[in-house]
Amino acid sequence: GCEEVKGEVQCLCPSGGLQLGPNGRTCIDIDECSTGKAL
């Protein structure tokens, strides 16, 4: 999905555990276990 902010189109990821990939269009998984974000 995406949102338009001041004429700029930005892709979105549906969950906080995902981040935009290098291409700015697809979402890649954040490994919470290895980044230490997991509680």
ModelCIF file with pLDDT and N, C-alpha, C, O atoms, coordinates in Angstrom:
data_MODEL
#
_entry.id   MODEL 
#
_entity.id                         1 
_entity.type                       polymer 
_entity.pdbx_number_of_molecules   1 
#
_entity_poly.entity_id                      1 
_entity_poly.type                           'polypeptide(L)' 
_entity_poly.nstd_linkage                   no 
_entity_poly.nstd_monomer                   no 
_entity_poly.pdbx_seq_one_letter_code       GCEEVKGEVQCLCPSGGLQLGPNGRTCIDIDECSTGKAL 
_entity_poly.pdbx_seq_one_letter_code_can   GCEEVKGEVQCLCPSGGLQLGPNGRTCIDIDECSTGKAL 
_entity_poly.pdbx_strand_id                 A 
#
loop_
_entity_poly_seq.entity_id 
_entity_poly_seq.num 
_entity_poly_seq.mon_id 
_entity_poly_seq.hetero 
1 1  GLY n 
1 2  CYS n 
1 3  GLU n 
1 4  GLU n 
1 5  VAL n 
1 6  LYS n 
1 7  GLY n 
1 8  GLU n 
1 9  VAL n 
1 10 GLN n 
1 11 CYS n 
1 12 LEU n 
1 13 CYS n 
1 14 PRO n 
1 15 SER n 
1 16 GLY n 
1 17 GLY n 
1 18 LEU n 
1 19 GLN n 
1 20 LEU n 
1 21 GLY n 
1 22 PRO n 
1 23 ASN n 
1 24 GLY n 
1 25 ARG n 
1 26 THR n 
1 27 CYS n 
1 28 ILE n 
1 29 ASP n 
1 30 ILE n 
1 31 ASP n 
1 32 GLU n 
1 33 CYS n 
1 34 SER n 
1 35 THR n 
1 36 GLY n 
1 37 LYS n 
1 38 ALA n 
1 39 LEU n 
#
_struct_asym.id          A 
_struct_asym.entity_id   1 
#
loop_
_ma_qa_metric.id 
_ma_qa_metric.mode 
_ma_qa_metric.name 
_ma_qa_metric.software_group_id 
_ma_qa_metric.type 
1 global pLDDT . pLDDT 
2 local  pLDDT . pLDDT 
#
_ma_qa_metric_global.metric_id      1 
_ma_qa_metric_global.metric_value   84.56 
_ma_qa_metric_global.model_id       1 
_ma_qa_metric_global.ordinal_id     1 
#
loop_
_ma_qa_metric_local.label_asym_id 
_ma_qa_metric_local.label_comp_id 
_ma_qa_metric_local.label_seq_id 
_ma_qa_metric_local.metric_id 
_ma_qa_metric_local.metric_value 
_ma_qa_metric_local.model_id 
_ma_qa_metric_local.ordinal_id 
A GLY 1  2 81.00 1 1  
A CYS 2  2 83.00 1 2  
A GLU 3  2 81.00 1 3  
A GLU 4  2 76.00 1 4  
A VAL 5  2 73.00 1 5  
A LYS 6  2 68.00 1 6  
A GLY 7  2 60.00 1 7  
A GLU 8  2 72.00 1 8  
A VAL 9  2 78.00 1 9  
A GLN 10 2 84.00 1 10 
A CYS 11 2 88.00 1 11 
A LEU 12 2 88.00 1 12 
A CYS 13 2 89.00 1 13 
A PRO 14 2 84.00 1 14 
A SER 15 2 82.00 1 15 
A GLY 16 2 84.00 1 16 
A GLY 17 2 87.00 1 17 
A LEU 18 2 91.00 1 18 
A GLN 19 2 90.00 1 19 
A LEU 20 2 91.00 1 20 
A GLY 21 2 91.00 1 21 
A PRO 22 2 91.00 1 22 
A ASN 23 2 88.00 1 23 
A GLY 24 2 86.00 1 24 
A ARG 25 2 86.00 1 25 
A THR 26 2 90.00 1 26 
A CYS 27 2 92.00 1 27 
A ILE 28 2 92.00 1 28 
A ASP 29 2 92.00 1 29 
A ILE 30 2 91.00 1 30 
A ASP 31 2 92.00 1 31 
A GLU 32 2 89.00 1 32 
A CYS 33 2 89.00 1 33 
A SER 34 2 89.00 1 34 
A THR 35 2 85.00 1 35 
A GLY 36 2 80.00 1 36 
A LYS 37 2 80.00 1 37 
A ALA 38 2 81.00 1 38 
A LEU 39 2 84.00 1 39 
#
loop_
_atom_site.group_PDB 
_atom_site.id 
_atom_site.type_symbol 
_atom_site.label_atom_id 
_atom_site.label_alt_id 
_atom_site.label_comp_id 
_atom_site.label_asym_id 
_atom_site.label_entity_id 
_atom_site.label_seq_id 
_atom_site.pdbx_PDB_ins_code 
_atom_site.Cartn_x 
_atom_site.Cartn_y 
_atom_site.Cartn_z 
_atom_site.occupancy 
_atom_site.B_iso_or_equiv 
_atom_site.pdbx_formal_charge 
_atom_site.auth_seq_id 
_atom_site.auth_comp_id 
_atom_site.auth_asym_id 
_atom_site.auth_atom_id 
_atom_site.pdbx_PDB_model_num 
ATOM 1   N N  . GLY A 1 1  ? 0.841  -1.189  0.000  1.00 81.00 ? 1  GLY A N  1 
ATOM 2   C CA . GLY A 1 1  ? 0.000  0.000   0.000  1.00 81.00 ? 1  GLY A CA 1 
ATOM 3   C C  . GLY A 1 1  ? 0.874  1.235   0.000  1.00 81.00 ? 1  GLY A C  1 
ATOM 4   O O  . GLY A 1 1  ? 2.095  1.151   0.129  1.00 81.00 ? 1  GLY A O  1 
ATOM 5   N N  . CYS A 1 2  ? 0.229  2.388   -0.148 1.00 83.00 ? 2  CYS A N  1 
ATOM 6   C CA . CYS A 1 2  ? 1.033  3.605   -0.172 1.00 83.00 ? 2  CYS A CA 1 
ATOM 7   C C  . CYS A 1 2  ? 0.231  4.784   0.332  1.00 83.00 ? 2  CYS A C  1 
ATOM 8   O O  . CYS A 1 2  ? -0.981 4.703   0.530  1.00 83.00 ? 2  CYS A O  1 
ATOM 9   N N  . GLU A 1 3  ? 0.933  5.873   0.534  1.00 81.00 ? 3  GLU A N  1 
ATOM 10  C CA . GLU A 1 3  ? 0.277  7.115   0.935  1.00 81.00 ? 3  GLU A CA 1 
ATOM 11  C C  . GLU A 1 3  ? 0.882  8.251   0.120  1.00 81.00 ? 3  GLU A C  1 
ATOM 12  O O  . GLU A 1 3  ? 2.035  8.192   -0.308 1.00 81.00 ? 3  GLU A O  1 
ATOM 13  N N  . GLU A 1 4  ? 0.078  9.275   -0.079 1.00 76.00 ? 4  GLU A N  1 
ATOM 14  C CA . GLU A 1 4  ? 0.569  10.437  -0.823 1.00 76.00 ? 4  GLU A CA 1 
ATOM 15  C C  . GLU A 1 4  ? 0.741  11.595  0.149  1.00 76.00 ? 4  GLU A C  1 
ATOM 16  O O  . GLU A 1 4  ? -0.209 12.028  0.801  1.00 76.00 ? 4  GLU A O  1 
ATOM 17  N N  . VAL A 1 5  ? 1.955  12.078  0.231  1.00 73.00 ? 5  VAL A N  1 
ATOM 18  C CA . VAL A 1 5  ? 2.248  13.217  1.100  1.00 73.00 ? 5  VAL A CA 1 
ATOM 19  C C  . VAL A 1 5  ? 2.837  14.328  0.228  1.00 73.00 ? 5  VAL A C  1 
ATOM 20  O O  . VAL A 1 5  ? 3.906  14.172  -0.362 1.00 73.00 ? 5  VAL A O  1 
ATOM 21  N N  . LYS A 1 6  ? 2.123  15.445  0.160  1.00 68.00 ? 6  LYS A N  1 
ATOM 22  C CA . LYS A 1 6  ? 2.544  16.607  -0.645 1.00 68.00 ? 6  LYS A CA 1 
ATOM 23  C C  . LYS A 1 6  ? 2.974  16.188  -2.055 1.00 68.00 ? 6  LYS A C  1 
ATOM 24  O O  . LYS A 1 6  ? 4.041  16.564  -2.540 1.00 68.00 ? 6  LYS A O  1 
ATOM 25  N N  . GLY A 1 7  ? 2.107  15.400  -2.694 1.00 60.00 ? 7  GLY A N  1 
ATOM 26  C CA . GLY A 1 7  ? 2.386  14.998  -4.072 1.00 60.00 ? 7  GLY A CA 1 
ATOM 27  C C  . GLY A 1 7  ? 3.402  13.886  -4.206 1.00 60.00 ? 7  GLY A C  1 
ATOM 28  O O  . GLY A 1 7  ? 3.579  13.344  -5.297 1.00 60.00 ? 7  GLY A O  1 
ATOM 29  N N  . GLU A 1 8  ? 4.080  13.530  -3.113 1.00 72.00 ? 8  GLU A N  1 
ATOM 30  C CA . GLU A 1 8  ? 5.057  12.426  -3.130 1.00 72.00 ? 8  GLU A CA 1 
ATOM 31  C C  . GLU A 1 8  ? 4.346  11.133  -2.751 1.00 72.00 ? 8  GLU A C  1 
ATOM 32  O O  . GLU A 1 8  ? 3.570  11.095  -1.796 1.00 72.00 ? 8  GLU A O  1 
ATOM 33  N N  . VAL A 1 9  ? 4.618  10.080  -3.505 1.00 78.00 ? 9  VAL A N  1 
ATOM 34  C CA . VAL A 1 9  ? 4.013  8.791   -3.197 1.00 78.00 ? 9  VAL A CA 1 
ATOM 35  C C  . VAL A 1 9  ? 5.022  7.937   -2.448 1.00 78.00 ? 9  VAL A C  1 
ATOM 36  O O  . VAL A 1 9  ? 6.150  7.741   -2.902 1.00 78.00 ? 9  VAL A O  1 
ATOM 37  N N  . GLN A 1 10 ? 4.601  7.435   -1.297 1.00 84.00 ? 10 GLN A N  1 
ATOM 38  C CA . GLN A 1 10 ? 5.509  6.615   -0.490 1.00 84.00 ? 10 GLN A CA 1 
ATOM 39  C C  . GLN A 1 10 ? 4.855  5.285   -0.178 1.00 84.00 ? 10 GLN A C  1 
ATOM 40  O O  . GLN A 1 10 ? 3.701  5.233   0.248  1.00 84.00 ? 10 GLN A O  1 
ATOM 41  N N  . CYS A 1 11 ? 5.609  4.193   -0.396 1.00 88.00 ? 11 CYS A N  1 
ATOM 42  C CA . CYS A 1 11 ? 5.079  2.859   -0.101 1.00 88.00 ? 11 CYS A CA 1 
ATOM 43  C C  . CYS A 1 11 ? 5.058  2.637   1.415  1.00 88.00 ? 11 CYS A C  1 
ATOM 44  O O  . CYS A 1 11 ? 5.880  3.180   2.153  1.00 88.00 ? 11 CYS A O  1 
ATOM 45  N N  . LEU A 1 12 ? 4.096  1.826   1.853  1.00 88.00 ? 12 LEU A N  1 
ATOM 46  C CA . LEU A 1 12 ? 3.945  1.522   3.278  1.00 88.00 ? 12 LEU A CA 1 
ATOM 47  C C  . LEU A 1 12 ? 4.081  0.024   3.532  1.00 88.00 ? 12 LEU A C  1 
ATOM 48  O O  . LEU A 1 12 ? 3.868  -0.792  2.634  1.00 88.00 ? 12 LEU A O  1 
ATOM 49  N N  . CYS A 1 13 ? 4.433  -0.321  4.750  1.00 89.00 ? 13 CYS A N  1 
ATOM 50  C CA . CYS A 1 13 ? 4.460  -1.726  5.160  1.00 89.00 ? 13 CYS A CA 1 
ATOM 51  C C  . CYS A 1 13 ? 3.360  -1.940  6.191  1.00 89.00 ? 13 CYS A C  1 
ATOM 52  O O  . CYS A 1 13 ? 3.151  -1.086  7.053  1.00 89.00 ? 13 CYS A O  1 
ATOM 53  N N  . PRO A 1 14 ? 2.640  -3.088  6.116  1.00 84.00 ? 14 PRO A N  1 
ATOM 54  C CA . PRO A 1 14 ? 1.475  -3.286  6.978  1.00 84.00 ? 14 PRO A CA 1 
ATOM 55  C C  . PRO A 1 14 ? 1.765  -3.603  8.441  1.00 84.00 ? 14 PRO A C  1 
ATOM 56  O O  . PRO A 1 14 ? 0.835  -3.697  9.242  1.00 84.00 ? 14 PRO A O  1 
ATOM 57  N N  . SER A 1 15 ? 3.048  -3.772  8.810  1.00 82.00 ? 15 SER A N  1 
ATOM 58  C CA . SER A 1 15 ? 3.347  -4.095  10.207 1.00 82.00 ? 15 SER A CA 1 
ATOM 59  C C  . SER A 1 15 ? 4.671  -3.489  10.618 1.00 82.00 ? 15 SER A C  1 
ATOM 60  O O  . SER A 1 15 ? 5.548  -3.251  9.787  1.00 82.00 ? 15 SER A O  1 
ATOM 61  N N  . GLY A 1 16 ? 4.807  -3.239  11.926 1.00 84.00 ? 16 GLY A N  1 
ATOM 62  C CA . GLY A 1 16 ? 6.042  -2.658  12.463 1.00 84.00 ? 16 GLY A CA 1 
ATOM 63  C C  . GLY A 1 16 ? 7.218  -3.609  12.352 1.00 84.00 ? 16 GLY A C  1 
ATOM 64  O O  . GLY A 1 16 ? 8.372  -3.195  12.470 1.00 84.00 ? 16 GLY A O  1 
ATOM 65  N N  . GLY A 1 17 ? 6.926  -4.895  12.122 1.00 87.00 ? 17 GLY A N  1 
ATOM 66  C CA . GLY A 1 17 ? 7.990  -5.894  11.981 1.00 87.00 ? 17 GLY A CA 1 
ATOM 67  C C  . GLY A 1 17 ? 8.492  -6.016  10.558 1.00 87.00 ? 17 GLY A C  1 
ATOM 68  O O  . GLY A 1 17 ? 9.273  -6.913  10.240 1.00 87.00 ? 17 GLY A O  1 
ATOM 69  N N  . LEU A 1 18 ? 8.036  -5.100  9.690  1.00 91.00 ? 18 LEU A N  1 
ATOM 70  C CA . LEU A 1 18 ? 8.484  -5.082  8.288  1.00 91.00 ? 18 LEU A CA 1 
ATOM 71  C C  . LEU A 1 18 ? 9.074  -3.719  7.981  1.00 91.00 ? 18 LEU A C  1 
ATOM 72  O O  . LEU A 1 18 ? 8.668  -2.714  8.564  1.00 91.00 ? 18 LEU A O  1 
ATOM 73  N N  . GLN A 1 19 ? 10.033 -3.685  7.064  1.00 90.00 ? 19 GLN A N  1 
ATOM 74  C CA . GLN A 1 19 ? 10.591 -2.402  6.644  1.00 90.00 ? 19 GLN A CA 1 
ATOM 75  C C  . GLN A 1 19 ? 10.693 -2.386  5.120  1.00 90.00 ? 19 GLN A C  1 
ATOM 76  O O  . GLN A 1 19 ? 10.772 -3.433  4.478  1.00 90.00 ? 19 GLN A O  1 
ATOM 77  N N  . LEU A 1 20 ? 10.690 -1.171  4.552  1.00 91.00 ? 20 LEU A N  1 
ATOM 78  C CA . LEU A 1 20 ? 10.790 -1.047  3.097  1.00 91.00 ? 20 LEU A CA 1 
ATOM 79  C C  . LEU A 1 20 ? 12.145 -1.541  2.624  1.00 91.00 ? 20 LEU A C  1 
ATOM 80  O O  . LEU A 1 20 ? 13.183 -1.216  3.202  1.00 91.00 ? 20 LEU A O  1 
ATOM 81  N N  . GLY A 1 21 ? 12.113 -2.326  1.571  1.00 91.00 ? 21 GLY A N  1 
ATOM 82  C CA . GLY A 1 21 ? 13.350 -2.861  0.997  1.00 91.00 ? 21 GLY A CA 1 
ATOM 83  C C  . GLY A 1 21 ? 14.088 -1.790  0.223  1.00 91.00 ? 21 GLY A C  1 
ATOM 84  O O  . GLY A 1 21 ? 13.598 -0.668  0.095  1.00 91.00 ? 21 GLY A O  1 
ATOM 85  N N  . PRO A 1 22 ? 15.283 -2.126  -0.305 1.00 91.00 ? 22 PRO A N  1 
ATOM 86  C CA . PRO A 1 22 ? 16.095 -1.150  -1.041 1.00 91.00 ? 22 PRO A CA 1 
ATOM 87  C C  . PRO A 1 22 ? 15.374 -0.530  -2.236 1.00 91.00 ? 22 PRO A C  1 
ATOM 88  O O  . PRO A 1 22 ? 15.661 0.605   -2.617 1.00 91.00 ? 22 PRO A O  1 
ATOM 89  N N  . ASN A 1 23 ? 14.423 -1.286  -2.835 1.00 88.00 ? 23 ASN A N  1 
ATOM 90  C CA . ASN A 1 23 ? 13.719 -0.740  -4.015 1.00 88.00 ? 23 ASN A CA 1 
ATOM 91  C C  . ASN A 1 23 ? 12.603 0.239   -3.629 1.00 88.00 ? 23 ASN A C  1 
ATOM 92  O O  . ASN A 1 23 ? 12.004 0.869   -4.500 1.00 88.00 ? 23 ASN A O  1 
ATOM 93  N N  . GLY A 1 24 ? 12.321 0.369   -2.311 1.00 86.00 ? 24 GLY A N  1 
ATOM 94  C CA . GLY A 1 24 ? 11.307 1.320   -1.864 1.00 86.00 ? 24 GLY A CA 1 
ATOM 95  C C  . GLY A 1 24 ? 9.887  0.894   -2.155 1.00 86.00 ? 24 GLY A C  1 
ATOM 96  O O  . GLY A 1 24 ? 8.959  1.673   -1.938 1.00 86.00 ? 24 GLY A O  1 
ATOM 97  N N  . ARG A 1 25 ? 9.685  -0.340  -2.647 1.00 86.00 ? 25 ARG A N  1 
ATOM 98  C CA . ARG A 1 25 ? 8.342  -0.818  -3.000 1.00 86.00 ? 25 ARG A CA 1 
ATOM 99  C C  . ARG A 1 25 ? 7.930  -2.075  -2.247 1.00 86.00 ? 25 ARG A C  1 
ATOM 100 O O  . ARG A 1 25 ? 6.769  -2.231  -1.869 1.00 86.00 ? 25 ARG A O  1 
ATOM 101 N N  . THR A 1 26 ? 8.895  -2.976  -2.031 1.00 90.00 ? 26 THR A N  1 
ATOM 102 C CA . THR A 1 26 ? 8.562  -4.220  -1.333 1.00 90.00 ? 26 THR A CA 1 
ATOM 103 C C  . THR A 1 26 ? 8.969  -4.123  0.130  1.00 90.00 ? 26 THR A C  1 
ATOM 104 O O  . THR A 1 26 ? 9.837  -3.333  0.501  1.00 90.00 ? 26 THR A O  1 
ATOM 105 N N  . CYS A 1 27 ? 8.325  -4.943  0.950  1.00 92.00 ? 27 CYS A N  1 
ATOM 106 C CA . CYS A 1 27 ? 8.606  -4.944  2.385  1.00 92.00 ? 27 CYS A CA 1 
ATOM 107 C C  . CYS A 1 27 ? 9.426  -6.172  2.762  1.00 92.00 ? 27 CYS A C  1 
ATOM 108 O O  . CYS A 1 27 ? 9.127  -7.289  2.341  1.00 92.00 ? 27 CYS A O  1 
ATOM 109 N N  . ILE A 1 28 ? 10.456 -5.949  3.555  1.00 92.00 ? 28 ILE A N  1 
ATOM 110 C CA . ILE A 1 28 ? 11.276 -7.070  4.013  1.00 92.00 ? 28 ILE A CA 1 
ATOM 111 C C  . ILE A 1 28 ? 11.146 -7.222  5.524  1.00 92.00 ? 28 ILE A C  1 
ATOM 112 O O  . ILE A 1 28 ? 10.895 -6.255  6.244  1.00 92.00 ? 28 ILE A O  1 
ATOM 113 N N  . ASP A 1 29 ? 11.321 -8.460  5.988  1.00 92.00 ? 29 ASP A N  1 
ATOM 114 C CA . ASP A 1 29 ? 11.141 -8.789  7.398  1.00 92.00 ? 29 ASP A CA 1 
ATOM 115 C C  . ASP A 1 29 ? 12.278 -8.226  8.246  1.00 92.00 ? 29 ASP A C  1 
ATOM 116 O O  . ASP A 1 29 ? 13.438 -8.228  7.833  1.00 92.00 ? 29 ASP A O  1 
ATOM 117 N N  . ILE A 1 30 ? 11.925 -7.744  9.441  1.00 91.00 ? 30 ILE A N  1 
ATOM 118 C CA . ILE A 1 30 ? 12.934 -7.344  10.428 1.00 91.00 ? 30 ILE A CA 1 
ATOM 119 C C  . ILE A 1 30 ? 13.036 -8.528  11.391 1.00 91.00 ? 30 ILE A C  1 
ATOM 120 O O  . ILE A 1 30 ? 12.037 -8.922  11.993 1.00 91.00 ? 30 ILE A O  1 
ATOM 121 N N  . ASP A 1 31 ? 14.217 -9.090  11.539 1.00 92.00 ? 31 ASP A N  1 
ATOM 122 C CA . ASP A 1 31 ? 14.393 -10.209 12.458 1.00 92.00 ? 31 ASP A CA 1 
ATOM 123 C C  . ASP A 1 31 ? 14.562 -9.651  13.877 1.00 92.00 ? 31 ASP A C  1 
ATOM 124 O O  . ASP A 1 31 ? 15.666 -9.308  14.298 1.00 92.00 ? 31 ASP A O  1 
ATOM 125 N N  . GLU A 1 32 ? 13.428 -9.569  14.609 1.00 89.00 ? 32 GLU A N  1 
ATOM 126 C CA . GLU A 1 32 ? 13.456 -8.996  15.964 1.00 89.00 ? 32 GLU A CA 1 
ATOM 127 C C  . GLU A 1 32 ? 14.352 -9.798  16.906 1.00 89.00 ? 32 GLU A C  1 
ATOM 128 O O  . GLU A 1 32 ? 14.896 -9.257  17.868 1.00 89.00 ? 32 GLU A O  1 
ATOM 129 N N  . CYS A 1 33 ? 14.501 -11.106 16.619 1.00 89.00 ? 33 CYS A N  1 
ATOM 130 C CA . CYS A 1 33 ? 15.293 -11.970 17.503 1.00 89.00 ? 33 CYS A CA 1 
ATOM 131 C C  . CYS A 1 33 ? 16.778 -11.618 17.424 1.00 89.00 ? 33 CYS A C  1 
ATOM 132 O O  . CYS A 1 33 ? 17.467 -11.614 18.444 1.00 89.00 ? 33 CYS A O  1 
ATOM 133 N N  . SER A 1 34 ? 17.275 -11.321 16.217 1.00 89.00 ? 34 SER A N  1 
ATOM 134 C CA . SER A 1 34 ? 18.706 -11.027 16.084 1.00 89.00 ? 34 SER A CA 1 
ATOM 135 C C  . SER A 1 34 ? 19.029 -9.552  16.328 1.00 89.00 ? 34 SER A C  1 
ATOM 136 O O  . SER A 1 34 ? 20.163 -9.209  16.662 1.00 89.00 ? 34 SER A O  1 
ATOM 137 N N  . THR A 1 35 ? 18.011 -8.666  16.158 1.00 85.00 ? 35 THR A N  1 
ATOM 138 C CA . THR A 1 35 ? 18.288 -7.237  16.371 1.00 85.00 ? 35 THR A CA 1 
ATOM 139 C C  . THR A 1 35 ? 18.122 -6.858  17.847 1.00 85.00 ? 35 THR A C  1 
ATOM 140 O O  . THR A 1 35 ? 18.476 -5.750  18.249 1.00 85.00 ? 35 THR A O  1 
ATOM 141 N N  . GLY A 1 36 ? 17.580 -7.789  18.657 1.00 80.00 ? 36 GLY A N  1 
ATOM 142 C CA . GLY A 1 36 ? 17.401 -7.515  20.087 1.00 80.00 ? 36 GLY A CA 1 
ATOM 143 C C  . GLY A 1 36 ? 16.166 -6.685  20.377 1.00 80.00 ? 36 GLY A C  1 
ATOM 144 O O  . GLY A 1 36 ? 15.998 -6.199  21.495 1.00 80.00 ? 36 GLY A O  1 
ATOM 145 N N  . LYS A 1 37 ? 15.287 -6.511  19.376 1.00 80.00 ? 37 LYS A N  1 
ATOM 146 C CA . LYS A 1 37 ? 14.061 -5.729  19.583 1.00 80.00 ? 37 LYS A CA 1 
ATOM 147 C C  . LYS A 1 37 ? 12.993 -6.565  20.275 1.00 80.00 ? 37 LYS A C  1 
ATOM 148 O O  . LYS A 1 37 ? 12.043 -6.030  20.845 1.00 80.00 ? 37 LYS A O  1 
ATOM 149 N N  . ALA A 1 38 ? 13.160 -7.892  20.217 1.00 81.00 ? 38 ALA A N  1 
ATOM 150 C CA . ALA A 1 38 ? 12.163 -8.788  20.806 1.00 81.00 ? 38 ALA A CA 1 
ATOM 151 C C  . ALA A 1 38 ? 12.258 -8.783  22.323 1.00 81.00 ? 38 ALA A C  1 
ATOM 152 O O  . ALA A 1 38 ? 13.350 -8.736  22.889 1.00 81.00 ? 38 ALA A O  1 
ATOM 153 N N  . LEU A 1 39 ? 11.105 -8.834  22.974 1.00 84.00 ? 39 LEU A N  1 
ATOM 154 C CA . LEU A 1 39 ? 11.070 -8.890  24.429 1.00 84.00 ? 39 LEU A CA 1 
ATOM 155 C C  . LEU A 1 39 ? 10.512 -10.238 24.853 1.00 84.00 ? 39 LEU A C  1 
ATOM 156 O O  . LEU A 1 39 ? 10.391 -10.507 26.048 1.00 84.00 ? 39 LEU A O  1 
#
